[in-house]
Amino acid sequence: MKQAKQINLTIGANIQKARVKAHMTQEQLSERIGIGATSLSAIERGAVGVSLTTLRNICGTLSVSSDVLLFGDDLPQNDVRDLADRLARLSPDQFEIVSQVFAQLLAAFSLR
């Protein structure tokens, strides 16, 4: 039960951080996602958990991924720009081969 409380605190803090970054008040966000400001306040404080429907609405309204709200935005990010640049220079046939290999790798990692 204590672990669930920590999850609520983490997600609530991440929602608050994303809301502030979007320059929105609790009242503005709660109105847009269809819940009361008191409910949003409780979510941000970690007093209650957030439903998947509400989480989805928050993500859409704040234009933020659920990963950011669940795990925070301080996770290390892979720099895919170099890889994308290199892929863009491949011929169509080479790109197709890389795409097939990549699909197999993702399947092996269960990330599809």
Protein backbone atom coordinates (compact mmCIF):
# COMPACT_ATOMS: atom_id res chain seq x y z
CA MET A 1 0.00 0.00 0.00
CA LYS A 2 2.88 2.35 0.81
CA GLN A 3 4.31 1.75 -2.68
CA ALA A 4 0.98 2.70 -4.28
CA LYS A 5 1.02 5.94 -2.32
CA GLN A 6 4.51 6.76 -3.62
CA ILE A 7 3.30 6.13 -7.19
CA ASN A 8 0.41 8.55 -6.63
CA LEU A 9 2.82 11.17 -5.27
CA THR A 10 5.19 10.78 -8.22
CA ILE A 11 2.47 10.90 -10.88
CA GLY A 12 0.73 13.80 -9.15
CA ALA A 13 3.95 15.81 -8.98
CA ASN A 14 4.65 15.09 -12.65
CA ILE A 15 1.14 16.20 -13.62
CA GLN A 16 1.57 19.41 -11.67
CA LYS A 17 4.96 20.07 -13.27
CA ALA A 18 3.53 19.52 -16.77
CA ARG A 19 0.52 21.73 -16.01
CA VAL A 20 2.70 24.57 -14.75
CA LYS A 21 4.99 24.17 -17.76
CA ALA A 22 1.89 24.56 -19.97
CA HIS A 23 1.01 27.80 -18.10
CA MET A 24 -2.32 26.44 -16.91
CA THR A 25 -4.04 26.74 -13.56
CA GLN A 26 -5.67 23.79 -11.87
CA GLU A 27 -9.04 25.32 -12.68
CA GLN A 28 -8.21 25.63 -16.38
CA LEU A 29 -6.90 22.08 -16.67
CA SER A 30 -9.69 20.53 -14.63
CA GLU A 31 -12.31 22.29 -16.77
CA ARG A 32 -10.70 21.06 -19.98
CA ILE A 33 -10.42 17.45 -18.82
CA GLY A 34 -13.88 17.34 -17.26
CA ILE A 35 -13.12 16.89 -13.57
CA GLY A 36 -13.44 19.23 -10.61
CA ALA A 37 -10.56 21.42 -9.50
CA THR A 38 -10.71 19.73 -6.09
CA SER A 39 -10.24 16.33 -7.75
CA LEU A 40 -7.29 17.58 -9.78
CA SER A 41 -5.75 19.07 -6.65
CA ALA A 42 -6.06 15.71 -4.88
CA ILE A 43 -4.41 13.96 -7.84
CA GLU A 44 -1.54 16.44 -7.93
CA ARG A 45 -0.99 16.07 -4.17
CA GLY A 46 -0.95 12.28 -4.55
CA ALA A 47 -3.88 11.94 -2.18
CA VAL A 48 -5.72 9.86 -4.79
CA GLY A 49 -4.70 7.95 -7.88
CA VAL A 50 -5.56 9.05 -11.39
CA SER A 51 -7.84 6.98 -13.60
CA LEU A 52 -6.63 5.94 -17.04
CA THR A 53 -9.34 8.04 -18.66
CA THR A 54 -8.26 11.13 -16.73
CA LEU A 55 -4.59 10.40 -17.43
CA ARG A 56 -5.34 10.15 -21.12
CA ASN A 57 -7.28 13.43 -21.04
CA ILE A 58 -4.44 15.15 -19.19
CA CYS A 59 -1.90 13.88 -21.73
CA GLY A 60 -4.00 15.16 -24.62
CA THR A 61 -4.72 18.52 -23.05
CA LEU A 62 -1.14 19.18 -21.98
CA SER A 63 0.37 17.62 -25.13
CA VAL A 64 2.62 15.41 -23.06
CA SER A 65 3.26 11.66 -23.24
CA SER A 66 2.07 9.36 -20.51
CA ASP A 67 5.71 8.34 -19.99
CA VAL A 68 6.50 11.86 -18.81
CA LEU A 69 3.62 11.78 -16.33
CA LEU A 70 4.36 8.26 -15.11
CA PHE A 71 8.16 8.40 -14.98
CA GLY A 72 9.08 12.07 -15.18
CA ASP A 73 10.91 13.96 -17.88
CA ASP A 74 14.35 13.46 -16.38
CA LEU A 75 14.79 9.98 -17.84
CA PRO A 76 17.77 9.63 -20.13
CA GLN A 77 16.75 10.05 -23.74
CA ASN A 78 18.33 8.33 -26.70
CA ASP A 79 19.56 10.78 -29.30
CA VAL A 80 17.88 9.44 -32.42
CA ARG A 81 18.80 12.35 -34.68
CA ASP A 82 22.11 10.82 -35.77
CA LEU A 83 20.44 7.50 -36.47
CA ALA A 84 17.62 9.20 -38.40
CA ASP A 85 20.15 11.15 -40.48
CA ARG A 86 22.01 7.98 -41.33
CA LEU A 87 18.81 6.15 -42.24
CA ALA A 88 17.72 9.03 -44.47
CA ARG A 89 20.86 8.56 -46.59
CA LEU A 90 20.12 4.91 -47.37
CA SER A 91 18.77 3.79 -50.72
CA PRO A 92 15.16 2.57 -50.71
CA ASP A 93 16.36 -1.06 -50.90
CA GLN A 94 18.79 -0.57 -48.02
CA PHE A 95 16.13 1.20 -45.98
CA GLU A 96 13.73 -1.72 -46.50
CA ILE A 97 16.35 -4.16 -45.21
CA VAL A 98 17.03 -2.01 -42.14
CA SER A 99 13.27 -1.72 -41.52
CA GLN A 100 12.89 -5.49 -41.56
CA VAL A 101 15.84 -5.99 -39.23
CA PHE A 102 14.52 -3.28 -36.92
CA ALA A 103 11.08 -4.92 -36.81
CA GLN A 104 12.72 -8.20 -35.81
CA LEU A 105 14.76 -6.50 -33.09
CA LEU A 106 11.68 -4.83 -31.64
CA ALA A 107 9.85 -8.15 -31.69
CA ALA A 108 12.77 -9.74 -29.85
CA PHE A 109 12.66 -6.95 -27.27
CA SER A 110 8.84 -7.21 -27.09
CA LEU A 111 8.50 -3.51 -27.88
CA ARG A 112 6.13 -3.67 -30.83
